[in-house]
Amino acid sequence: MISKDLKQQVEKATEVIMFFLIHGCSSFIYKVNHGLKTKQIPKNKISDARKDIKNVSDTQAYVVSQLLSKFGVDNDVKNKDGDYWKWYFHWDAWKNRLSDKQWEEVKRKIENEESFNELLPKNKWNEI
């Protein structure tokens, strides 16, 4: 179940924050699945880990589901040539182009709820 707090966060989230939410969920799911496969997670924690994966997966699915209404991004993740993946890779490429100094500035500004528009890409995901 999606919490009211998450719904409120998503409602006011910018496009790049939505990307960070989706990317963060993917990273978490990957790392926990890897921990399960390599038996790095103790047996007595496996059930909790699976519940965490389910919760984070549900969160990610909710965030993705909001892309169309918020930003006009068709959220069909199964279509590898569709809007979602163009949108995702647009933001992923931007993130990867940031220097360490710029990344630290972005993180600081997010934490302080400050604008970092000067660091965002000049073109939109669908203007490429």
N, C-alpha and C. Protein backbone atom coordinates (compact mmCIF):
# COMPACT_ATOMS: atom_id res chain seq x y z
N MET A 1 0.84 -1.18 0.00
CA MET A 1 0.00 0.00 0.00
C MET A 1 0.88 1.24 0.00
N ILE A 2 0.51 2.21 -0.80
CA ILE A 2 1.28 3.44 -0.93
C ILE A 2 0.82 4.43 0.15
N SER A 3 1.78 4.93 0.90
CA SER A 3 1.46 5.83 2.00
C SER A 3 1.02 7.21 1.50
N LYS A 4 0.27 7.88 2.32
CA LYS A 4 -0.17 9.24 2.02
C LYS A 4 1.04 10.16 1.87
N ASP A 5 2.06 9.94 2.71
CA ASP A 5 3.28 10.74 2.65
C ASP A 5 3.98 10.59 1.30
N LEU A 6 4.08 9.36 0.81
CA LEU A 6 4.71 9.15 -0.50
C LEU A 6 3.89 9.82 -1.59
N LYS A 7 2.59 9.69 -1.53
CA LYS A 7 1.73 10.33 -2.53
C LYS A 7 1.95 11.84 -2.54
N GLN A 8 2.08 12.44 -1.37
CA GLN A 8 2.32 13.88 -1.29
C GLN A 8 3.70 14.24 -1.84
N GLN A 9 4.71 13.42 -1.54
CA GLN A 9 6.05 13.67 -2.07
C GLN A 9 6.05 13.61 -3.59
N VAL A 10 5.39 12.61 -4.14
CA VAL A 10 5.34 12.45 -5.59
C VAL A 10 4.56 13.59 -6.22
N GLU A 11 3.50 14.02 -5.57
CA GLU A 11 2.68 15.10 -6.09
C GLU A 11 3.50 16.38 -6.30
N LYS A 12 4.41 16.66 -5.37
CA LYS A 12 5.19 17.90 -5.49
C LYS A 12 6.58 17.68 -6.10
N ALA A 13 6.91 16.44 -6.46
CA ALA A 13 8.24 16.13 -7.00
C ALA A 13 8.44 16.70 -8.40
N THR A 14 9.64 17.18 -8.63
CA THR A 14 10.02 17.61 -9.97
C THR A 14 10.39 16.39 -10.80
N GLU A 15 10.60 16.61 -12.07
CA GLU A 15 10.93 15.50 -12.97
C GLU A 15 12.21 14.79 -12.54
N VAL A 16 13.22 15.54 -12.19
CA VAL A 16 14.49 14.93 -11.80
C VAL A 16 14.36 14.18 -10.47
N ILE A 17 13.56 14.69 -9.57
CA ILE A 17 13.34 13.99 -8.29
C ILE A 17 12.61 12.68 -8.54
N MET A 18 11.68 12.68 -9.48
CA MET A 18 11.00 11.42 -9.84
C MET A 18 12.03 10.41 -10.37
N PHE A 19 12.96 10.90 -11.19
CA PHE A 19 14.01 10.01 -11.69
C PHE A 19 14.82 9.45 -10.52
N PHE A 20 15.21 10.30 -9.59
CA PHE A 20 16.00 9.84 -8.44
C PHE A 20 15.23 8.79 -7.63
N LEU A 21 13.94 8.99 -7.45
CA LEU A 21 13.12 8.01 -6.72
C LEU A 21 13.12 6.67 -7.45
N ILE A 22 12.89 6.70 -8.75
CA ILE A 22 12.85 5.46 -9.54
C ILE A 22 14.22 4.79 -9.55
N HIS A 23 15.25 5.57 -9.78
CA HIS A 23 16.62 5.03 -9.82
C HIS A 23 17.03 4.44 -8.47
N GLY A 24 16.68 5.15 -7.40
CA GLY A 24 17.00 4.66 -6.05
C GLY A 24 16.30 3.35 -5.74
N CYS A 25 15.04 3.24 -6.15
CA CYS A 25 14.31 1.98 -5.96
C CYS A 25 14.98 0.85 -6.73
N SER A 26 15.36 1.12 -7.98
CA SER A 26 16.03 0.09 -8.79
C SER A 26 17.32 -0.37 -8.13
N SER A 27 18.09 0.57 -7.63
CA SER A 27 19.36 0.23 -6.97
C SER A 27 19.13 -0.64 -5.74
N PHE A 28 18.14 -0.26 -4.94
CA PHE A 28 17.83 -1.03 -3.73
C PHE A 28 17.42 -2.46 -4.09
N ILE A 29 16.50 -2.58 -5.05
CA ILE A 29 16.01 -3.91 -5.45
C ILE A 29 17.16 -4.76 -5.98
N TYR A 30 18.01 -4.17 -6.80
CA TYR A 30 19.16 -4.91 -7.35
C TYR A 30 20.08 -5.40 -6.22
N LYS A 31 20.42 -4.51 -5.31
CA LYS A 31 21.37 -4.86 -4.24
C LYS A 31 20.80 -5.93 -3.31
N VAL A 32 19.54 -5.82 -2.95
CA VAL A 32 18.95 -6.82 -2.06
C VAL A 32 18.81 -8.16 -2.78
N ASN A 33 18.38 -8.14 -4.03
CA ASN A 33 18.32 -9.39 -4.80
C ASN A 33 19.70 -10.03 -4.91
N HIS A 34 20.71 -9.21 -5.14
CA HIS A 34 22.07 -9.73 -5.21
C HIS A 34 22.48 -10.36 -3.88
N GLY A 35 22.13 -9.68 -2.79
CA GLY A 35 22.43 -10.21 -1.46
C GLY A 35 21.74 -11.54 -1.20
N LEU A 36 20.53 -11.69 -1.71
CA LEU A 36 19.81 -12.96 -1.56
C LEU A 36 20.47 -14.06 -2.39
N LYS A 37 20.82 -13.74 -3.62
CA LYS A 37 21.42 -14.74 -4.52
C LYS A 37 22.79 -15.20 -4.04
N THR A 38 23.54 -14.30 -3.45
CA THR A 38 24.91 -14.64 -3.01
C THR A 38 24.94 -15.05 -1.54
N LYS A 39 23.77 -15.19 -0.95
CA LYS A 39 23.62 -15.63 0.45
C LYS A 39 24.33 -14.70 1.45
N GLN A 40 24.38 -13.42 1.10
CA GLN A 40 24.94 -12.42 2.01
C GLN A 40 23.93 -11.98 3.06
N ILE A 41 22.68 -12.28 2.81
CA ILE A 41 21.62 -11.95 3.77
C ILE A 41 21.37 -13.19 4.62
N PRO A 42 21.47 -13.04 5.95
CA PRO A 42 21.28 -14.19 6.83
C PRO A 42 19.90 -14.83 6.65
N LYS A 43 19.83 -16.12 6.86
CA LYS A 43 18.59 -16.87 6.67
C LYS A 43 17.43 -16.29 7.46
N ASN A 44 17.72 -15.80 8.66
CA ASN A 44 16.64 -15.26 9.49
C ASN A 44 16.16 -13.88 9.02
N LYS A 45 16.80 -13.31 8.00
CA LYS A 45 16.41 -12.00 7.46
C LYS A 45 15.84 -12.08 6.04
N ILE A 46 15.81 -13.28 5.47
CA ILE A 46 15.36 -13.44 4.08
C ILE A 46 13.91 -13.00 3.91
N SER A 47 13.05 -13.38 4.81
CA SER A 47 11.64 -13.00 4.71
C SER A 47 11.48 -11.47 4.74
N ASP A 48 12.21 -10.82 5.63
CA ASP A 48 12.17 -9.36 5.71
C ASP A 48 12.70 -8.73 4.42
N ALA A 49 13.76 -9.30 3.89
CA ALA A 49 14.35 -8.77 2.65
C ALA A 49 13.36 -8.87 1.50
N ARG A 50 12.66 -9.98 1.41
CA ARG A 50 11.66 -10.15 0.35
C ARG A 50 10.50 -9.16 0.51
N LYS A 51 10.09 -8.92 1.75
CA LYS A 51 9.04 -7.92 2.00
C LYS A 51 9.53 -6.53 1.61
N ASP A 52 10.79 -6.23 1.92
CA ASP A 52 11.35 -4.93 1.56
C ASP A 52 11.38 -4.76 0.04
N ILE A 53 11.78 -5.81 -0.67
CA ILE A 53 11.79 -5.75 -2.13
C ILE A 53 10.38 -5.48 -2.66
N LYS A 54 9.40 -6.16 -2.10
CA LYS A 54 8.01 -5.97 -2.53
C LYS A 54 7.55 -4.53 -2.28
N ASN A 55 7.85 -4.01 -1.09
CA ASN A 55 7.44 -2.65 -0.76
C ASN A 55 8.11 -1.61 -1.67
N VAL A 56 9.40 -1.79 -1.91
CA VAL A 56 10.13 -0.84 -2.76
C VAL A 56 9.68 -0.98 -4.21
N SER A 57 9.41 -2.19 -4.63
CA SER A 57 8.90 -2.41 -5.99
C SER A 57 7.53 -1.74 -6.17
N ASP A 58 6.67 -1.84 -5.18
CA ASP A 58 5.37 -1.17 -5.22
C ASP A 58 5.54 0.35 -5.27
N THR A 59 6.48 0.85 -4.49
CA THR A 59 6.77 2.29 -4.49
C THR A 59 7.23 2.73 -5.87
N GLN A 60 8.15 1.98 -6.44
CA GLN A 60 8.67 2.31 -7.76
C GLN A 60 7.55 2.29 -8.81
N ALA A 61 6.72 1.28 -8.75
CA ALA A 61 5.61 1.16 -9.71
C ALA A 61 4.67 2.36 -9.58
N TYR A 62 4.42 2.80 -8.35
CA TYR A 62 3.56 3.96 -8.15
C TYR A 62 4.18 5.22 -8.75
N VAL A 63 5.46 5.43 -8.48
CA VAL A 63 6.14 6.62 -9.01
C VAL A 63 6.10 6.60 -10.54
N VAL A 64 6.42 5.46 -11.13
CA VAL A 64 6.38 5.33 -12.60
C VAL A 64 4.97 5.61 -13.12
N SER A 65 3.97 5.14 -12.41
CA SER A 65 2.58 5.32 -12.86
C SER A 65 2.17 6.79 -12.91
N GLN A 66 2.86 7.64 -12.20
CA GLN A 66 2.52 9.06 -12.15
C GLN A 66 3.21 9.89 -13.24
N LEU A 67 4.12 9.29 -13.98
CA LEU A 67 4.87 10.05 -14.99
C LEU A 67 4.00 10.63 -16.09
N LEU A 68 3.00 9.87 -16.53
CA LEU A 68 2.15 10.34 -17.63
C LEU A 68 1.38 11.59 -17.22
N SER A 69 0.73 11.54 -16.07
CA SER A 69 -0.09 12.68 -15.66
C SER A 69 0.77 13.89 -15.28
N LYS A 70 1.94 13.66 -14.75
CA LYS A 70 2.79 14.78 -14.31
C LYS A 70 3.62 15.38 -15.44
N PHE A 71 4.18 14.52 -16.30
CA PHE A 71 5.16 15.00 -17.28
C PHE A 71 4.91 14.53 -18.70
N GLY A 72 3.80 13.87 -18.95
CA GLY A 72 3.49 13.43 -20.30
C GLY A 72 4.34 12.28 -20.79
N VAL A 73 4.90 11.51 -19.86
CA VAL A 73 5.75 10.38 -20.22
C VAL A 73 4.91 9.11 -20.21
N ASP A 74 4.77 8.48 -21.38
CA ASP A 74 4.07 7.19 -21.44
C ASP A 74 4.88 6.21 -20.59
N ASN A 75 4.25 5.68 -19.57
CA ASN A 75 4.97 4.89 -18.56
C ASN A 75 4.98 3.39 -18.83
N ASP A 76 4.88 2.98 -20.08
CA ASP A 76 4.95 1.57 -20.45
C ASP A 76 6.41 1.11 -20.42
N VAL A 77 6.83 0.55 -19.29
CA VAL A 77 8.23 0.16 -19.12
C VAL A 77 8.60 -1.06 -19.96
N LYS A 78 7.61 -1.80 -20.44
CA LYS A 78 7.89 -2.99 -21.24
C LYS A 78 8.27 -2.64 -22.67
N ASN A 79 7.91 -1.45 -23.12
CA ASN A 79 8.25 -1.00 -24.48
C ASN A 79 9.65 -0.37 -24.44
N LYS A 80 10.65 -1.15 -24.83
CA LYS A 80 12.04 -0.69 -24.74
C LYS A 80 12.34 0.50 -25.64
N ASP A 81 11.48 0.78 -26.64
CA ASP A 81 11.66 1.92 -27.52
C ASP A 81 10.71 3.06 -27.18
N GLY A 82 9.99 2.92 -26.08
CA GLY A 82 8.96 3.89 -25.72
C GLY A 82 9.47 5.08 -24.93
N ASP A 83 8.53 5.93 -24.60
CA ASP A 83 8.82 7.16 -23.87
C ASP A 83 9.56 6.93 -22.56
N TYR A 84 9.09 5.94 -21.81
CA TYR A 84 9.67 5.75 -20.47
C TYR A 84 11.18 5.60 -20.55
N TRP A 85 11.65 4.74 -21.42
CA TRP A 85 13.09 4.49 -21.47
C TRP A 85 13.86 5.68 -22.05
N LYS A 86 13.26 6.40 -22.98
CA LYS A 86 13.90 7.63 -23.49
C LYS A 86 14.03 8.63 -22.34
N TRP A 87 12.95 8.75 -21.58
CA TRP A 87 12.95 9.66 -20.43
C TRP A 87 13.99 9.22 -19.40
N TYR A 88 13.99 7.95 -19.04
CA TYR A 88 14.90 7.43 -18.03
C TYR A 88 16.36 7.65 -18.45
N PHE A 89 16.69 7.28 -19.68
CA PHE A 89 18.09 7.40 -20.12
C PHE A 89 18.51 8.85 -20.30
N HIS A 90 17.56 9.74 -20.59
CA HIS A 90 17.87 11.17 -20.64
C HIS A 90 18.39 11.64 -19.28
N TRP A 91 17.65 11.29 -18.22
CA TRP A 91 18.05 11.72 -16.88
C TRP A 91 19.27 10.96 -16.38
N ASP A 92 19.38 9.68 -16.73
CA ASP A 92 20.55 8.90 -16.34
C ASP A 92 21.82 9.47 -16.97
N ALA A 93 21.75 9.84 -18.25
CA ALA A 93 22.91 10.43 -18.93
C ALA A 93 23.28 11.76 -18.29
N TRP A 94 22.28 12.56 -17.93
CA TRP A 94 22.56 13.83 -17.25
C TRP A 94 23.29 13.57 -15.93
N LYS A 95 22.76 12.64 -15.15
CA LYS A 95 23.37 12.33 -13.84
C LYS A 95 24.82 11.88 -14.02
N ASN A 96 25.07 11.06 -15.02
CA ASN A 96 26.41 10.53 -15.24
C ASN A 96 27.39 11.57 -15.77
N ARG A 97 26.87 12.66 -16.36
CA ARG A 97 27.76 13.73 -16.85
C ARG A 97 28.19 14.69 -15.74
N LEU A 98 27.53 14.65 -14.61
CA LEU A 98 27.88 15.56 -13.53
C LEU A 98 29.25 15.23 -12.96
N SER A 99 30.02 16.26 -12.68
CA SER A 99 31.28 16.05 -11.97
C SER A 99 30.98 15.75 -10.51
N ASP A 100 31.97 15.28 -9.78
CA ASP A 100 31.77 15.03 -8.34
C ASP A 100 31.34 16.30 -7.62
N LYS A 101 31.95 17.41 -7.99
CA LYS A 101 31.60 18.69 -7.36
C LYS A 101 30.16 19.07 -7.67
N GLN A 102 29.74 18.91 -8.92
CA GLN A 102 28.36 19.22 -9.28
C GLN A 102 27.38 18.30 -8.56
N TRP A 103 27.73 17.01 -8.48
CA TRP A 103 26.85 16.06 -7.80
C TRP A 103 26.69 16.43 -6.33
N GLU A 104 27.77 16.82 -5.68
CA GLU A 104 27.69 17.26 -4.28
C GLU A 104 26.80 18.49 -4.15
N GLU A 105 26.88 19.39 -5.12
CA GLU A 105 26.04 20.58 -5.10
C GLU A 105 24.56 20.21 -5.27
N VAL A 106 24.26 19.29 -6.18
CA VAL A 106 22.89 18.83 -6.37
C VAL A 106 22.36 18.21 -5.08
N LYS A 107 23.13 17.31 -4.47
CA LYS A 107 22.69 16.67 -3.23
C LYS A 107 22.44 17.71 -2.13
N ARG A 108 23.34 18.66 -2.00
CA ARG A 108 23.19 19.69 -0.97
C ARG A 108 21.92 20.51 -1.22
N LYS A 109 21.70 20.88 -2.47
CA LYS A 109 20.52 21.69 -2.78
C LYS A 109 19.23 20.91 -2.59
N ILE A 110 19.24 19.63 -2.90
CA ILE A 110 18.05 18.81 -2.65
C ILE A 110 17.76 18.75 -1.15
N GLU A 111 18.79 18.49 -0.36
CA GLU A 111 18.62 18.41 1.10
C GLU A 111 18.09 19.72 1.67
N ASN A 112 18.54 20.85 1.11
CA ASN A 112 18.12 22.16 1.60
C ASN A 112 16.89 22.70 0.86
N GLU A 113 16.31 21.86 0.00
CA GLU A 113 15.13 22.24 -0.79
C GLU A 113 15.37 23.52 -1.57
N GLU A 114 16.57 23.61 -2.17
CA GLU A 114 16.93 24.75 -3.01
C GLU A 114 16.88 24.33 -4.47
N SER A 115 16.70 25.31 -5.33
CA SER A 115 16.68 25.06 -6.77
C SER A 115 18.10 24.75 -7.27
N PHE A 116 18.17 23.85 -8.22
CA PHE A 116 19.45 23.59 -8.90
C PHE A 116 19.23 23.57 -10.41
N ASN A 117 18.32 24.44 -10.85
CA ASN A 117 17.96 24.52 -12.26
C ASN A 117 19.17 24.78 -13.15
N GLU A 118 20.15 25.51 -12.64
CA GLU A 118 21.32 25.84 -13.44
C GLU A 118 22.14 24.60 -13.80
N LEU A 119 21.92 23.50 -13.08
CA LEU A 119 22.66 22.26 -13.35
C LEU A 119 21.85 21.26 -14.18
N LEU A 120 20.58 21.56 -14.39
CA LEU A 120 19.72 20.64 -15.14
C LEU A 120 19.98 20.75 -16.64
N PRO A 121 19.64 19.69 -17.39
CA PRO A 121 19.84 19.75 -18.84
C PRO A 121 18.99 20.86 -19.45
N LYS A 122 19.50 21.43 -20.52
CA LYS A 122 18.77 22.53 -21.19
C LYS A 122 17.63 22.01 -22.05
N ASN A 123 17.75 20.77 -22.54
CA ASN A 123 16.69 20.20 -23.36
C ASN A 123 15.89 19.19 -22.55
N LYS A 124 14.66 18.98 -22.99
CA LYS A 124 13.79 17.99 -22.36
C LYS A 124 14.06 16.61 -22.96
N TRP A 125 13.59 15.59 -22.29
CA TRP A 125 13.83 14.21 -22.74
C TRP A 125 13.29 13.96 -24.14
N ASN A 126 12.22 14.65 -24.53
CA ASN A 126 11.60 14.41 -25.82
C ASN A 126 12.02 15.42 -26.88
N GLU A 127 13.02 16.22 -26.60
CA GLU A 127 13.54 17.20 -27.55
C GLU A 127 14.89 16.79 -28.14
N ILE A 128 15.23 15.55 -27.94
CA ILE A 128 16.55 15.07 -28.39
C ILE A 128 16.45 14.60 -29.82
